[in-house]
Amino acid sequence: MLWMIQRVFYGDVSKMVTELKVVDMGGREHVAVWPMAVLMLVMGVASPIWIRAIDGALVKLASPAPAPTLGIAVRQ
């Protein structure tokens, strides 16, 4: 189905595309992508470690806020 849509909307593949020699990723792109890929893998495998590290802040953030005061002191 996707092949059919590609042929209908884009036509045949041009010779400019099939004969063009292009490198997939350059050195700078590898330097940028690989650390992010390793970090994502580590965060997925070792998620309890970093979830535990941010749990306290998330609990405080999700807890209901105290009622606002108007700054007026009430004397009895």
Protein backbone atom coordinates (compact mmCIF):
# COMPACT_ATOMS: atom_id res chain seq x y z
CA MET A 1 0.00 0.00 0.00
CA LEU A 2 2.78 2.45 0.91
CA TRP A 3 4.63 1.50 -2.26
CA MET A 4 1.51 2.35 -4.27
CA ILE A 5 1.13 5.74 -2.56
CA GLN A 6 4.81 6.50 -3.20
CA ARG A 7 4.45 5.67 -6.90
CA VAL A 8 1.22 7.67 -7.30
CA PHE A 9 2.38 10.81 -5.54
CA TYR A 10 6.12 10.84 -6.29
CA GLY A 11 6.46 8.84 -9.52
CA ASP A 12 9.50 6.80 -10.46
CA VAL A 13 12.77 7.27 -8.63
CA SER A 14 15.01 9.78 -10.41
CA LYS A 15 18.49 8.80 -11.64
CA MET A 16 19.85 11.79 -9.69
CA VAL A 17 18.80 10.05 -6.52
CA THR A 18 19.89 6.50 -7.39
CA GLU A 19 23.33 7.50 -8.71
CA LEU A 20 24.16 10.02 -5.97
CA LYS A 21 26.70 8.69 -3.46
CA VAL A 22 25.92 10.13 -0.04
CA VAL A 23 27.37 9.26 3.34
CA ASP A 24 24.66 8.52 5.89
CA MET A 25 26.23 10.35 8.83
CA GLY A 26 29.32 12.47 9.19
CA GLY A 27 31.72 12.55 12.12
CA ARG A 28 30.05 15.47 13.89
CA GLU A 29 26.68 13.78 13.61
CA HIS A 30 28.08 10.59 15.15
CA VAL A 31 29.55 12.64 18.00
CA ALA A 32 26.12 14.18 18.62
CA VAL A 33 23.96 11.07 18.20
CA TRP A 34 25.89 8.31 19.98
CA PRO A 35 26.01 9.90 23.45
CA MET A 36 22.26 10.57 23.25
CA ALA A 37 21.61 6.98 22.15
CA VAL A 38 23.69 5.61 25.03
CA LEU A 39 21.94 7.93 27.50
CA MET A 40 18.51 6.80 26.27
CA LEU A 41 19.53 3.16 26.62
CA VAL A 42 20.86 3.71 30.14
CA MET A 43 17.77 5.66 31.17
CA GLY A 44 15.57 2.86 29.85
CA VAL A 45 17.48 0.02 31.49
CA ALA A 46 18.29 1.76 34.77
CA SER A 47 15.10 3.78 35.08
CA PRO A 48 14.46 2.98 38.78
CA ILE A 49 17.68 4.78 39.70
CA TRP A 50 16.82 8.12 38.14
CA ILE A 51 13.09 7.79 38.92
CA ARG A 52 14.01 7.43 42.60
CA ALA A 53 16.24 10.51 42.34
CA ILE A 54 13.39 12.75 41.12
CA ASP A 55 10.59 11.12 43.12
CA GLY A 56 10.71 13.60 46.02
CA ALA A 57 10.37 16.61 43.77
CA LEU A 58 7.51 14.99 41.84
CA VAL A 59 5.62 14.16 45.03
CA LYS A 60 5.90 17.78 46.19
CA LEU A 61 4.88 19.02 42.77
CA ALA A 62 1.85 16.73 42.59
CA SER A 63 0.64 17.38 46.15
CA PRO A 64 -2.16 19.91 46.53
CA ALA A 65 -1.08 23.46 47.25
CA PRO A 66 -2.09 25.10 50.52
CA ALA A 67 -4.98 27.52 50.43
CA PRO A 68 -3.86 31.01 49.50
CA THR A 69 -3.89 33.69 52.19
CA LEU A 70 -4.76 37.30 51.57
CA GLY A 71 -2.13 38.62 53.92
CA ILE A 72 -4.77 39.93 56.36
CA ALA A 73 -4.25 38.96 59.98
CA VAL A 74 -7.46 38.02 61.73
CA ARG A 75 -7.52 38.84 65.48
CA GLN A 76 -9.78 37.11 67.92
